[in-house]
């Protein structure tokens, strides 16, 4: 499968962060986007709330100017981080008032990475490398909610 440069670079950085224990959803330098952006936290100034898709003035200016950071637009970076935090079971947007003392296990981080990889595939319009339906020769025809309802009624 052919991928983009930004996808390959992001996957490489996230892989290293996961295995070097430098992936931390509560640190703007070590979260999914922080790692993609070479452990820099400037991206946090694109929105007023971590985990929000709402660009602030700085984010809007950069988005409208067509600015890219390691290949990603400001809105794409916010989408990536939102997916990561949501998959790591955080209430969004992340804020002191709705955060809890949460134990973040490798399993939770892996779920976050799965979601990020799927999002990166979607952004680059490449087949989802996390999708195992091809392996099992299964084509999804229902949403997860509909499928779970069918399973409970059978």
Protein backbone atom coordinates (compact mmCIF):
# COMPACT_ATOMS: atom_id res chain seq x y z
CA UNK A 1 0.00 0.00 0.00
CA UNK A 2 1.28 3.43 -0.91
CA UNK A 3 1.09 6.14 1.76
CA UNK A 4 1.92 9.82 2.05
CA UNK A 5 5.09 11.22 3.58
CA UNK A 6 3.17 12.81 6.42
CA UNK A 7 1.37 9.54 7.22
CA UNK A 8 4.62 7.56 7.28
CA UNK A 9 6.36 10.18 9.44
CA UNK A 10 3.43 10.37 11.88
CA UNK A 11 3.20 6.58 12.25
CA UNK A 12 6.94 6.33 12.84
CA UNK A 13 6.85 9.03 15.55
CA UNK A 14 3.79 7.52 17.25
CA UNK A 15 5.31 4.02 17.15
CA UNK A 16 8.49 5.29 18.81
CA UNK A 17 6.55 7.29 21.40
CA UNK A 18 4.41 4.28 22.32
CA UNK A 19 7.38 1.92 22.70
CA UNK A 20 9.61 4.48 24.44
CA UNK A 21 6.85 5.33 26.93
CA UNK A 22 6.78 8.95 25.75
CA UNK A 23 3.10 9.00 24.78
CA UNK A 24 1.06 10.92 27.34
CA UNK A 25 -2.43 12.28 26.61
CA UNK A 26 -2.13 14.84 29.41
CA UNK A 27 1.01 16.52 28.05
CA UNK A 28 0.85 18.77 24.97
CA UNK A 29 4.41 17.75 24.02
CA UNK A 30 3.83 14.01 24.39
CA UNK A 31 0.25 13.51 23.24
CA UNK A 32 -0.57 12.24 19.75
CA UNK A 33 -0.24 15.66 18.10
CA UNK A 34 2.71 16.67 20.28
CA UNK A 35 4.62 13.61 19.07
CA UNK A 36 3.63 14.18 15.44
CA UNK A 37 4.95 17.74 15.79
CA UNK A 38 8.34 16.69 17.16
CA UNK A 39 7.41 17.09 20.82
CA UNK A 40 6.51 20.76 20.47
CA UNK A 41 3.43 22.27 22.09
CA UNK A 42 2.78 25.32 19.88
CA UNK A 43 -0.28 23.56 18.48
CA UNK A 44 -2.14 24.10 21.77
CA UNK A 45 -2.50 27.78 20.80
CA UNK A 46 -4.72 26.83 17.83
CA UNK A 47 -7.73 26.26 20.10
CA UNK A 48 -8.81 27.48 23.52
CA UNK A 49 -9.58 23.97 24.78
CA UNK A 50 -7.67 20.72 24.37
CA UNK A 51 -9.89 18.18 22.65
CA UNK A 52 -12.05 20.80 20.97
CA UNK A 53 -12.49 21.13 17.21
CA UNK A 54 -13.12 24.88 17.55
CA UNK A 55 -10.21 26.89 16.13
CA UNK A 56 -9.54 30.15 17.96
CA UNK A 57 -8.30 33.33 16.25
CA UNK A 58 -4.72 32.05 15.94
CA UNK A 59 -5.97 28.72 14.59
CA UNK A 60 -8.31 30.37 12.10
CA UNK A 61 -5.57 32.67 10.78
CA UNK A 62 -3.22 29.72 10.28
CA UNK A 63 -5.98 27.61 8.72
CA UNK A 64 -7.05 30.40 6.34
CA UNK A 65 -3.45 31.08 5.32
CA UNK A 66 -3.10 27.41 4.38
CA UNK A 67 -0.41 26.81 6.98
CA UNK A 68 0.66 23.21 7.55
CA UNK A 69 2.64 21.74 10.41
CA UNK A 70 4.50 18.55 9.46
CA UNK A 71 1.96 18.28 6.65
CA UNK A 72 -1.19 18.78 8.75
CA UNK A 73 -3.53 21.78 8.80
CA UNK A 74 -4.63 23.24 12.15
CA UNK A 75 -8.09 21.66 11.91
CA UNK A 76 -6.57 18.26 11.07
CA UNK A 77 -4.33 18.50 14.14
CA UNK A 78 -7.35 19.23 16.35
CA UNK A 79 -9.23 16.29 14.81
CA UNK A 80 -6.30 13.95 15.48
CA UNK A 81 -6.00 15.06 19.10
CA UNK A 82 -9.75 14.85 19.71
CA UNK A 83 -9.86 11.27 18.40
CA UNK A 84 -6.87 10.34 20.56
CA UNK A 85 -8.29 11.82 23.75
CA UNK A 86 -11.75 10.38 23.15
CA UNK A 87 -10.32 6.89 22.56
CA UNK A 88 -8.28 7.30 25.76
CA UNK A 89 -11.64 7.74 27.52
CA UNK A 90 -11.38 11.43 28.40
CA UNK A 91 -14.36 13.74 28.66
CA UNK A 92 -13.93 16.48 26.05
CA UNK A 93 -12.98 19.22 25.81
CA UNK A 94 -10.24 18.54 28.33
CA UNK A 95 -10.39 21.03 31.18
CA UNK A 96 -9.40 21.08 34.84
CA UNK A 97 -13.04 21.05 35.91
CA UNK A 98 -13.88 17.81 34.07
CA UNK A 99 -10.61 15.95 34.45
CA UNK A 100 -10.13 13.18 36.94
CA UNK A 101 -7.18 11.35 38.38
CA UNK A 102 -7.08 8.73 35.69
CA UNK A 103 -4.69 5.83 35.40
CA UNK A 104 -3.55 5.63 31.80
CA UNK A 105 -2.54 2.08 30.94
CA UNK A 106 -0.74 0.81 27.85
CA UNK A 107 -4.05 -0.74 26.77
CA UNK A 108 -5.77 2.66 26.89
CA UNK A 109 -2.87 4.26 25.00
CA UNK A 110 -3.08 1.53 22.38
CA UNK A 111 -6.80 2.19 21.89
CA UNK A 112 -5.92 5.84 21.43
CA UNK A 113 -3.28 4.95 18.86
CA UNK A 114 -5.70 2.71 16.97
CA UNK A 115 -8.12 5.61 16.70
CA UNK A 116 -5.37 8.00 15.59
CA UNK A 117 -4.09 5.63 12.91
CA UNK A 118 -7.64 5.23 11.58
CA UNK A 119 -8.03 9.02 11.53
CA UNK A 120 -4.68 9.49 9.75
CA UNK A 121 -5.80 6.98 7.10
CA UNK A 122 -9.07 8.85 6.67
CA UNK A 123 -7.31 12.21 6.33
CA UNK A 124 -4.99 10.84 3.65
CA UNK A 125 -7.76 8.87 1.92
CA UNK A 126 -5.93 5.58 2.19
CA UNK A 127 -7.41 2.24 3.30
CA UNK A 128 -7.64 1.94 7.06
CA UNK A 129 -4.72 -0.25 8.08
CA UNK A 130 -6.50 -0.94 11.38
CA UNK A 131 -9.54 -2.45 9.63
CA UNK A 132 -9.49 -6.25 9.83
CA UNK A 133 -12.69 -6.78 7.81
CA UNK A 134 -10.64 -7.71 4.74
CA UNK A 135 -8.77 -10.33 6.75
CA UNK A 136 -12.07 -11.90 7.82
CA UNK A 137 -13.72 -11.32 4.46
CA UNK A 138 -16.50 -9.36 6.14
CA UNK A 139 -18.14 -6.19 4.89
CA UNK A 140 -19.79 -4.03 7.52
CA UNK A 141 -23.37 -3.21 6.57
CA UNK A 142 -24.68 -1.86 9.87
CA UNK A 143 -23.43 0.79 12.26
CA UNK A 144 -22.07 -0.48 15.58
CA UNK A 145 -25.26 0.56 17.36
CA UNK A 146 -27.48 -1.33 14.92
CA UNK A 147 -25.24 -4.39 15.04
CA UNK A 148 -25.28 -4.51 18.84
CA UNK A 149 -29.07 -4.19 18.84
CA UNK A 150 -29.35 -7.08 16.40
CA UNK A 151 -27.04 -9.21 18.53
CA UNK A 152 -29.12 -8.59 21.65
CA UNK A 153 -32.42 -9.44 19.97
CA UNK A 154 -31.27 -12.70 18.40
